[in-house]
PDB file of N, CA and C in Angstrom:
ATOM      1  N   MET A   1      47.269-167.909 -86.157  1.00  0.00           N
ATOM      2  CA  MET A   1      48.258-167.246 -85.512  1.00  0.00           C
ATOM      3  C   MET A   1      49.756-167.569 -85.431  1.00  0.00           C
ATOM      4  N   PHE A   2      49.637-168.915 -85.266  1.00  0.00           N
ATOM      5  CA  PHE A   2      51.137-169.492 -85.401  1.00  0.00           C
ATOM      6  C   PHE A   2      51.667-169.704 -86.889  1.00  0.00           C
ATOM      7  N   GLY A   3      53.023-169.708 -86.710  1.00  0.00           N
ATOM      8  CA  GLY A   3      53.536-169.935 -88.413  1.00  0.00           C
ATOM      9  C   GLY A   3      53.391-171.532 -88.624  1.00  0.00           C
ATOM     10  N   ALA A   4      53.967-171.869 -89.624  1.00  0.00           N
ATOM     11  CA  ALA A   4      54.109-173.196 -90.182  1.00  0.00           C
ATOM     12  C   ALA A   4      54.885-174.006 -88.914  1.00  0.00           C
ATOM     13  N   ASP A   5      54.558-175.255 -89.168  1.00  0.00           N
ATOM     14  CA  ASP A   5      54.898-176.326 -88.260  1.00  0.00           C
ATOM     15  C   ASP A   5      56.562-176.339 -88.199  1.00  0.00           C
ATOM     16  N   ASN A   6      57.645-176.386 -87.148  1.00  0.00           N
ATOM     17  CA  ASN A   6      58.683-176.593 -87.162  1.00  0.00           C
ATOM     18  C   ASN A   6      59.140-178.062 -87.370  1.00  0.00           C
ATOM     19  N   ALA A   7      60.141-178.336 -87.646  1.00  0.00           N
ATOM     20  CA  ALA A   7      60.752-179.819 -87.737  1.00  0.00           C
ATOM     21  C   ALA A   7      60.381-180.671 -86.593  1.00  0.00           C
ATOM     22  N   ASP A   8      60.433-180.103 -85.548  1.00  0.00           N
ATOM     23  CA  ASP A   8      60.237-180.833 -84.234  1.00  0.00           C
ATOM     24  C   ASP A   8      58.477-180.937 -83.601  1.00  0.00           C
ATOM     25  N   GLY A   9      57.860-180.223 -84.642  1.00  0.00           N
ATOM     26  CA  GLY A   9      56.577-180.340 -84.560  1.00  0.00           C
ATOM     27  C   GLY A   9      55.931-178.971 -83.548  1.00  0.00           C
ATOM     28  N   SER A  10      56.764-178.287 -83.279  1.00  0.00           N
ATOM     29  CA  SER A  10      56.357-176.920 -82.654  1.00  0.00           C
ATOM     30  C   SER A  10      55.944-176.129 -83.489  1.00  0.00           C
ATOM     31  N   ARG A  11      55.290-174.866 -83.095  1.00  0.00           N
ATOM     32  CA  ARG A  11      54.645-173.956 -84.110  1.00  0.00           C
ATOM     33  C   ARG A  11      55.317-172.517 -83.345  1.00  0.00           C
ATOM     34  N   SER A  12      55.777-171.544 -83.955  1.00  0.00           N
ATOM     35  CA  SER A  12      56.208-170.416 -83.612  1.00  0.00           C
ATOM     36  C   SER A  12      55.890-169.159 -84.351  1.00  0.00           C
ATOM     37  N   VAL A  13      55.951-168.140 -83.645  1.00  0.00           N
ATOM     38  CA  VAL A  13      55.193-166.802 -84.418  1.00  0.00           C
ATOM     39  C   VAL A  13      56.313-165.794 -83.709  1.00  0.00           C
ATOM     40  N   THR A  14      56.477-164.868 -84.668  1.00  0.00           N
ATOM     41  CA  THR A  14      57.029-163.491 -84.001  1.00  0.00           C
ATOM     42  C   THR A  14      56.009-162.689 -83.354  1.00  0.00           C
ATOM     43  N   VAL A  15      56.057-162.188 -82.209  1.00  0.00           N
ATOM     44  CA  VAL A  15      55.239-161.339 -81.703  1.00  0.00           C
ATOM     45  C   VAL A  15      55.333-159.983 -81.770  1.00  0.00           C
ATOM     46  N   THR A  16      56.561-159.643 -81.572  1.00  0.00           N
ATOM     47  CA  THR A  16      56.766-158.094 -81.900  1.00  0.00           C
ATOM     48  C   THR A  16      58.590-158.062 -81.926  1.00  0.00           C
ATOM     49  N   ARG A  17      58.867-156.717 -82.452  1.00  0.00           N
ATOM     50  CA  ARG A  17      60.274-156.593 -82.466  1.00  0.00           C
ATOM     51  C   ARG A  17      60.337-155.161 -81.727  1.00  0.00           C
ATOM     52  N   LEU A  18      61.615-155.009 -80.684  1.00  0.00           N
ATOM     53  CA  LEU A  18      61.689-154.068 -80.135  1.00  0.00           C
ATOM     54  C   LEU A  18      62.947-153.493 -80.415  1.00  0.00           C
ATOM     55  N   GLY A  19      63.345-152.596 -81.314  1.00  0.00           N
ATOM     56  CA  GLY A  19      64.831-152.320 -81.505  1.00  0.00           C
ATOM     57  C   GLY A  19      65.422-153.501 -81.923  1.00  0.00           C
ATOM     58  N   SER A  20      66.531-153.798 -81.265  1.00  0.00           N
ATOM     59  CA  SER A  20      67.218-155.078 -81.820  1.00  0.00           C
ATOM     60  C   SER A  20      67.069-156.246 -81.172  1.00  0.00           C
ATOM     61  N   LEU A  21      65.923-156.298 -80.743  1.00  0.00           N
ATOM     62  CA  LEU A  21      65.114-157.701 -80.044  1.00  0.00           C
ATOM     63  C   LEU A  21      64.040-158.196 -80.601  1.00  0.00           C
ATOM     64  N   GLU A  22      63.864-159.387 -80.699  1.00  0.00           N
ATOM     65  CA  GLU A  22      62.781-160.118 -81.454  1.00  0.00           C
ATOM     66  C   GLU A  22      61.976-160.790 -80.277  1.00  0.00           C
ATOM     67  N   VAL A  23      60.598-160.881 -80.173  1.00  0.00           N
ATOM     68  CA  VAL A  23      59.789-161.434 -79.209  1.00  0.00           C
ATOM     69  C   VAL A  23      59.132-162.842 -79.874  1.00  0.00           C
ATOM     70  N   ARG A  24      59.364-164.039 -79.605  1.00  0.00           N
ATOM     71  CA  ARG A  24      58.839-165.273 -80.233  1.00  0.00           C
ATOM     72  C   ARG A  24      57.913-165.850 -79.465  1.00  0.00           C
ATOM     73  N   LEU A  25      56.829-166.466 -79.719  1.00  0.00           N
ATOM     74  CA  LEU A  25      55.948-167.314 -79.126  1.00  0.00           C
ATOM     75  C   LEU A  25      55.992-168.703 -79.454  1.00  0.00           C
ATOM     76  N   THR A  26      56.484-169.586 -78.850  1.00  0.00           N
ATOM     77  CA  THR A  26      56.324-171.132 -79.377  1.00  0.00           C
ATOM     78  C   THR A  26      55.474-172.009 -78.612  1.00  0.00           C
ATOM     79  N   GLU A  27      54.417-172.581 -79.561  1.00  0.00           N
ATOM     80  CA  GLU A  27      54.067-173.784 -78.929  1.00  0.00           C
ATOM     81  C   GLU A  27      54.258-175.158 -79.242  1.00  0.00           C
ATOM     82  N   LEU A  28      54.652-175.896 -78.005  1.00  0.00           N
ATOM     83  CA  LEU A  28      55.450-177.098 -78.151  1.00  0.00           C
ATOM     84  C   LEU A  28      54.395-178.251 -78.884  1.00  0.00           C
ATOM     85  N   ALA A  29      55.092-179.195 -79.456  1.00  0.00           N
ATOM     86  CA  ALA A  29      54.247-180.043 -80.041  1.00  0.00           C
ATOM     87  C   ALA A  29      53.330-181.016 -78.916  1.00  0.00           C
ATOM     88  N   PRO A  30      52.215-181.221 -78.830  1.00  0.00           N
ATOM     89  CA  PRO A  30      51.312-181.834 -77.654  1.00  0.00           C
ATOM     90  C   PRO A  30      52.325-182.887 -77.506  1.00  0.00           C
ATOM     91  N   ASP A  31      52.675-184.012 -78.244  1.00  0.00           N
ATOM     92  CA  ASP A  31      53.410-185.237 -77.858  1.00  0.00           C
ATOM     93  C   ASP A  31      54.857-184.851 -77.052  1.00  0.00           C
ATOM     94  N   ALA A  32      55.272-183.592 -77.212  1.00  0.00           N
ATOM     95  CA  ALA A  32      56.599-183.377 -76.519  1.00  0.00           C
ATOM     96  C   ALA A  32      56.525-182.603 -75.277  1.00  0.00           C
ATOM     97  N   VAL A  33      55.310-182.357 -74.838  1.00  0.00           N
ATOM     98  CA  VAL A  33      55.146-181.814 -73.328  1.00  0.00           C
ATOM     99  C   VAL A  33      54.738-182.751 -72.502  1.00  0.00           C
ATOM    100  N   ALA A  34      55.410-182.840 -71.414  1.00  0.00           N
ATOM    101  CA  ALA A  34      55.050-183.596 -70.169  1.00  0.00           C
ATOM    102  C   ALA A  34      54.256-182.971 -69.347  1.00  0.00           C
ATOM    103  N   PRO A  35      53.604-183.585 -68.658  1.00  0.00           N
ATOM    104  CA  PRO A  35      52.304-183.077 -67.969  1.00  0.00           C
ATOM    105  C   PRO A  35      52.586-181.673 -67.114  1.00  0.00           C
ATOM    106  N   CYS A  36      53.727-181.721 -66.424  1.00  0.00           N
ATOM    107  CA  CYS A  36      54.226-180.556 -65.676  1.00  0.00           C
ATOM    108  C   CYS A  36      55.064-179.448 -66.570  1.00  0.00           C
ATOM    109  N   MET A  37      55.222-179.524 -67.898  1.00  0.00           N
ATOM    110  CA  MET A  37      55.823-178.578 -68.552  1.00  0.00           C
ATOM    111  C   MET A  37      54.689-177.705 -69.386  1.00  0.00           C
ATOM    112  N   PRO A  38      55.312-176.422 -69.199  1.00  0.00           N
ATOM    113  CA  PRO A  38      54.582-175.368 -69.928  1.00  0.00           C
ATOM    114  C   PRO A  38      54.384-175.754 -71.614  1.00  0.00           C
ATOM    115  N   PRO A  39      53.161-175.500 -72.232  1.00  0.00           N
ATOM    116  CA  PRO A  39      53.423-175.813 -73.407  1.00  0.00           C
ATOM    117  C   PRO A  39      53.744-174.809 -74.456  1.00  0.00           C
ATOM    118  N   PHE A  40      53.539-173.199 -73.766  1.00  0.00           N
ATOM    119  CA  PHE A  40      53.775-172.012 -74.499  1.00  0.00           C
ATOM    120  C   PHE A  40      55.131-171.540 -73.922  1.00  0.00           C
ATOM    121  N   TRP A  41      55.954-171.013 -74.808  1.00  0.00           N
ATOM    122  CA  TRP A  41      57.167-170.488 -74.462  1.00  0.00           C
ATOM    123  C   TRP A  41      57.286-168.955 -74.960  1.00  0.00           C
ATOM    124  N   LEU A  42      57.545-168.235 -74.351  1.00  0.00           N
ATOM    125  CA  LEU A  42      57.982-166.667 -74.690  1.00  0.00           C
ATOM    126  C   LEU A  42      59.393-166.483 -74.635  1.00  0.00           C
ATOM    127  N   GLU A  43      60.033-166.403 -75.692  1.00  0.00           N
ATOM    128  CA  GLU A  43      61.607-166.228 -75.955  1.00  0.00           C
ATOM    129  C   GLU A  43      61.811-164.694 -76.457  1.00  0.00           C
ATOM    130  N   VAL A  44      63.019-164.260 -75.967  1.00  0.00           N
ATOM    131  CA  VAL A  44      63.236-162.828 -76.543  1.00  0.00           C
ATOM    132  C   VAL A  44      64.796-163.081 -76.980  1.00  0.00           C
ATOM    133  N   PHE A  45      65.061-162.666 -78.330  1.00  0.00           N
ATOM    134  CA  PHE A  45      65.960-162.718 -78.909  1.00  0.00           C
ATOM    135  C   PHE A  45      66.760-161.655 -79.401  1.00  0.00           C
ATOM    136  N   PRO A  46      68.361-161.514 -79.349  1.00  0.00           N
ATOM    137  CA  PRO A  46      68.881-160.088 -80.114  1.00  0.00           C
ATOM    138  C   PRO A  46      68.731-160.557 -81.671  1.00  0.00           C
ATOM    139  N   LEU A  47      68.298-159.591 -82.642  1.00  0.00           N
ATOM    140  CA  LEU A  47      68.291-159.966 -83.791  1.00  0.00           C
ATOM    141  C   LEU A  47      69.427-160.572 -84.495  1.00  0.00           C
ATOM    142  N   ALA A  48      70.624-160.388 -84.009  1.00  0.00           N
ATOM    143  CA  ALA A  48      72.076-160.847 -84.708  1.00  0.00           C
ATOM    144  C   ALA A  48      72.368-162.011 -83.964  1.00  0.00           C
ATOM    145  N   SER A  49      71.432-162.631 -83.074  1.00  0.00           N
ATOM    146  CA  SER A  49      71.762-163.955 -82.500  1.00  0.00           C
ATOM    147  C   SER A  49      70.537-164.903 -82.540  1.00  0.00           C
ATOM    148  N   GLN A  50      70.882-166.217 -82.399  1.00  0.00           N
ATOM    149  CA  GLN A  50      69.872-167.051 -82.402  1.00  0.00           C
ATOM    150  C   GLN A  50      69.709-167.968 -80.972  1.00  0.00           C
ATOM    151  N   SER A  51      70.346-167.116 -80.231  1.00  0.00           N
ATOM    152  CA  SER A  51      70.333-167.366 -78.532  1.00  0.00           C
ATOM    153  C   SER A  51      69.549-166.629 -77.769  1.00  0.00           C
ATOM    154  N   PRO A  52      68.540-166.971 -77.135  1.00  0.00           N
ATOM    155  CA  PRO A  52      67.395-166.398 -76.392  1.00  0.00           C
ATOM    156  C   PRO A  52      68.466-165.694 -75.166  1.00  0.00           C
ATOM    157  N   ILE A  53      67.917-164.321 -74.703  1.00  0.00           N
ATOM    158  CA  ILE A  53      68.451-163.782 -73.634  1.00  0.00           C
ATOM    159  C   ILE A  53      67.709-163.890 -72.499  1.00  0.00           C
ATOM    160  N   GLU A  54      66.186-164.357 -72.860  1.00  0.00           N
ATOM    161  CA  GLU A  54      65.409-164.348 -71.806  1.00  0.00           C
ATOM    162  C   GLU A  54      64.213-165.368 -72.290  1.00  0.00           C
ATOM    163  N   CYS A  55      63.687-166.084 -71.505  1.00  0.00           N
ATOM    164  CA  CYS A  55      62.467-167.303 -71.721  1.00  0.00           C
ATOM    165  C   CYS A  55      61.513-167.187 -70.726  1.00  0.00           C
ATOM    166  N   TYR A  56      60.498-167.463 -71.148  1.00  0.00           N
ATOM    167  CA  TYR A  56      59.299-167.768 -69.955  1.00  0.00           C
ATOM    168  C   TYR A  56      58.352-168.649 -70.429  1.00  0.00           C
ATOM    169  N   GLY A  57      58.100-169.728 -69.871  1.00  0.00           N
ATOM    170  CA  GLY A  57      57.227-170.970 -69.881  1.00  0.00           C
ATOM    171  C   GLY A  57      55.709-170.557 -69.196  1.00  0.00           C
ATOM    172  N   CYS A  58      54.774-170.824 -70.207  1.00  0.00           N
ATOM    173  CA  CYS A  58      53.495-170.725 -69.511  1.00  0.00           C
ATOM    174  C   CYS A  58      52.480-171.748 -69.888  1.00  0.00           C
ATOM    175  N   PHE A  59      51.303-172.016 -69.198  1.00  0.00           N
ATOM    176  CA  PHE A  59      50.667-172.777 -69.209  1.00  0.00           C
ATOM    177  C   PHE A  59      49.309-172.513 -70.284  1.00  0.00           C
ATOM    178  N   GLU A  60      49.012-171.166 -69.737  1.00  0.00           N
ATOM    179  CA  GLU A  60      47.881-170.364 -70.564  1.00  0.00           C
ATOM    180  C   GLU A  60      48.281-168.926 -70.451  1.00  0.00           C
ATOM    181  N   PHE A  61      47.684-167.947 -70.802  1.00  0.00           N
ATOM    182  CA  PHE A  61      48.108-166.581 -70.527  1.00  0.00           C
ATOM    183  C   PHE A  61      46.910-165.842 -69.706  1.00  0.00           C
ATOM    184  N   ASP A  62      46.970-166.485 -68.588  1.00  0.00           N
ATOM    185  CA  ASP A  62      45.846-165.570 -67.653  1.00  0.00           C
ATOM    186  C   ASP A  62      46.423-164.436 -67.187  1.00  0.00           C
ATOM    187  N   GLU A  63      45.990-163.566 -66.203  1.00  0.00           N
ATOM    188  CA  GLU A  63      46.278-162.369 -65.985  1.00  0.00           C
ATOM    189  C   GLU A  63      47.856-162.323 -65.289  1.00  0.00           C
ATOM    190  N   THR A  64      47.889-163.160 -64.415  1.00  0.00           N
ATOM    191  CA  THR A  64      49.393-163.442 -63.614  1.00  0.00           C
ATOM    192  C   THR A  64      50.444-163.637 -64.834  1.00  0.00           C
ATOM    193  N   GLU A  65      50.343-164.488 -65.766  1.00  0.00           N
ATOM    194  CA  GLU A  65      51.320-165.020 -66.623  1.00  0.00           C
ATOM    195  C   GLU A  65      51.595-163.947 -67.721  1.00  0.00           C
ATOM    196  N   LEU A  66      50.388-163.232 -68.133  1.00  0.00           N
ATOM    197  CA  LEU A  66      50.425-162.142 -68.942  1.00  0.00           C
ATOM    198  C   LEU A  66      51.408-161.125 -68.199  1.00  0.00           C
ATOM    199  N   ALA A  67      51.003-160.680 -67.282  1.00  0.00           N
ATOM    200  CA  ALA A  67      51.808-159.813 -66.658  1.00  0.00           C
ATOM    201  C   ALA A  67      53.452-160.172 -66.147  1.00  0.00           C
ATOM    202  N   SER A  68      53.763-161.464 -66.042  1.00  0.00           N
ATOM    203  CA  SER A  68      55.010-161.984 -65.973  1.00  0.00           C
ATOM    204  C   SER A  68      55.745-161.833 -67.337  1.00  0.00           C
ATOM    205  N   ALA A  69      54.976-162.281 -68.542  1.00  0.00           N
ATOM    206  CA  ALA A  69      55.488-162.088 -69.830  1.00  0.00           C
ATOM    207  C   ALA A  69      55.854-160.629 -70.132  1.00  0.00           C
ATOM    208  N   VAL A  70      55.027-159.723 -69.538  1.00  0.00           N
ATOM    209  CA  VAL A  70      55.235-158.624 -69.987  1.00  0.00           C
ATOM    210  C   VAL A  70      56.811-157.855 -69.373  1.00  0.00           C
ATOM    211  N   ASP A  71      56.538-158.224 -67.892  1.00  0.00           N
ATOM    212  CA  ASP A  71      57.781-157.902 -67.283  1.00  0.00           C
ATOM    213  C   ASP A  71      58.998-158.476 -67.924  1.00  0.00           C
ATOM    214  N   LEU A  72      59.114-159.707 -68.360  1.00  0.00           N
ATOM    215  CA  LEU A  72      60.046-160.312 -69.041  1.00  0.00           C
ATOM    216  C   LEU A  72      60.431-159.392 -70.176  1.00  0.00           C
ATOM    217  N   VAL A  73      59.616-159.196 -70.940  1.00  0.00           N
ATOM    218  CA  VAL A  73      59.840-158.156 -72.368  1.00  0.00           C
ATOM    219  C   VAL A  73      60.602-157.133 -71.919  1.00  0.00           C
ATOM    220  N   LEU A  74      59.961-156.564 -70.895  1.00  0.00           N
ATOM    221  CA  LEU A  74      60.505-155.100 -70.554  1.00  0.00           C
ATOM    222  C   LEU A  74      61.820-154.983 -69.811  1.00  0.00           C
ATOM    223  N   GLU A  75      62.207-156.185 -69.171  1.00  0.00           N
ATOM    224  CA  GLU A  75      63.434-156.448 -68.726  1.00  0.00           C
ATOM    225  C   GLU A  75      64.517-156.641 -69.915  1.00  0.00           C
ATOM    226  N   ALA A  76      63.992-157.492 -70.711  1.00  0.00           N
ATOM    227  CA  ALA A  76      64.867-157.715 -72.195  1.00  0.00           C
ATOM    228  C   ALA A  76      65.336-156.347 -72.803  1.00  0.00           C
ATOM    229  N   ALA A  77      64.226-155.576 -72.906  1.00  0.00           N
ATOM    230  CA  ALA A  77      64.633-154.226 -73.462  1.00  0.00           C
ATOM    231  C   ALA A  77      65.229-153.422 -72.765  1.00  0.00           C
ATOM    232  N   ARG A  78      65.462-153.390 -71.595  1.00  0.00           N
ATOM    233  CA  ARG A  78      66.170-152.533 -70.556  1.00  0.00           C
ATOM    234  C   ARG A  78      67.703-153.123 -70.848  1.00  0.00           C
ATOM    235  N   LEU A  79      67.840-154.554 -70.834  1.00  0.00           N
ATOM    236  CA  LEU A  79      69.069-155.193 -70.992  1.00  0.00           C
ATOM    237  C   LEU A  79      69.866-154.548 -72.525  1.00  0.00           C
ATOM    238  N   ALA A  80      68.852-154.816 -73.356  1.00  0.00           N
ATOM    239  CA  ALA A  80      69.203-154.600 -74.916  1.00  0.00           C
ATOM    240  C   ALA A  80      69.672-153.000 -74.849  1.00  0.00           C
ATOM    241  N   ASP A  81      69.056-152.014 -74.122  1.00  0.00           N
ATOM    242  CA  ASP A  81      69.532-150.404 -74.072  1.00  0.00           C
ATOM    243  C   ASP A  81      70.926-150.548 -73.452  1.00  0.00           C
ATOM    244  N   SER A  82      70.998-151.449 -72.578  1.00  0.00           N
ATOM    245  CA  SER A  82      72.575-151.280 -71.808  1.00  0.00           C
ATOM    246  C   SER A  82      73.417-151.923 -72.459  1.00  0.00           C
ATOM    247  N   ARG A  83      72.978-152.752 -73.458  1.00  0.00           N
ATOM    248  CA  ARG A  83      73.936-153.997 -74.169  1.00  0.00           C
ATOM    249  C   ARG A  83      74.420-154.781 -73.494  1.00  0.00           C
ATOM    250  N   ASP A  84      73.839-155.366 -72.298  1.00  0.00           N
ATOM    251  CA  ASP A  84      74.247-156.350 -71.291  1.00  0.00           C
ATOM    252  C   ASP A  84      73.433-157.649 -71.630  1.00  0.00           C
ATOM    253  N   PHE A  85      73.929-158.176 -72.666  1.00  0.00           N
ATOM    254  CA  PHE A  85      73.165-159.333 -72.850  1.00  0.00           C
ATOM    255  C   PHE A  85      73.687-160.688 -72.487  1.00  0.00           C
ATOM    256  N   PRO A  86      73.025-161.147 -71.485  1.00  0.00           N
ATOM    257  CA  PRO A  86      73.606-162.521 -70.830  1.00  0.00           C
ATOM    258  C   PRO A  86      73.057-163.650 -71.718  1.00  0.00           C
ATOM    259  N   THR A  87      73.517-164.629 -71.563  1.00  0.00           N
ATOM    260  CA  THR A  87      73.110-165.847 -72.367  1.00  0.00           C
ATOM    261  C   THR A  87      72.458-166.818 -71.323  1.00  0.00           C
ATOM    262  N   LEU A  88      71.352-167.722 -71.620  1.00  0.00           N
ATOM    263  CA  LEU A  88      70.904-168.456 -71.111  1.00  0.00           C
ATOM    264  C   LEU A  88      71.861-169.804 -70.889  1.00  0.00           C
ATOM    265  N   GLN A  89      71.741-170.504 -69.845  1.00  0.00           N
ATOM    266  CA  GLN A  89      72.674-171.708 -69.908  1.00  0.00           C
ATOM    267  C   GLN A  89      72.029-172.765 -70.193  1.00  0.00           C
TER     268      GLN A  89
END
């Protein structure tokens, strides 16, 4: 499911594209993950930028985390429609 390993040992895949947005799922390298840090990150990027406008870390995709991920993507799509792209600090 994941693409080739990145230079830092993580693996990423584009999950979907929604208009001007791309949704990526990244699995961090096992040796880069602290015990309290989620190993999976869902990030939403405008296609014209490499800076995420939304991100969500999760440990597994149980029902609650999947619902949160869907909410994140829907909110990002709403922001894209309004062209109100905040950047993450």
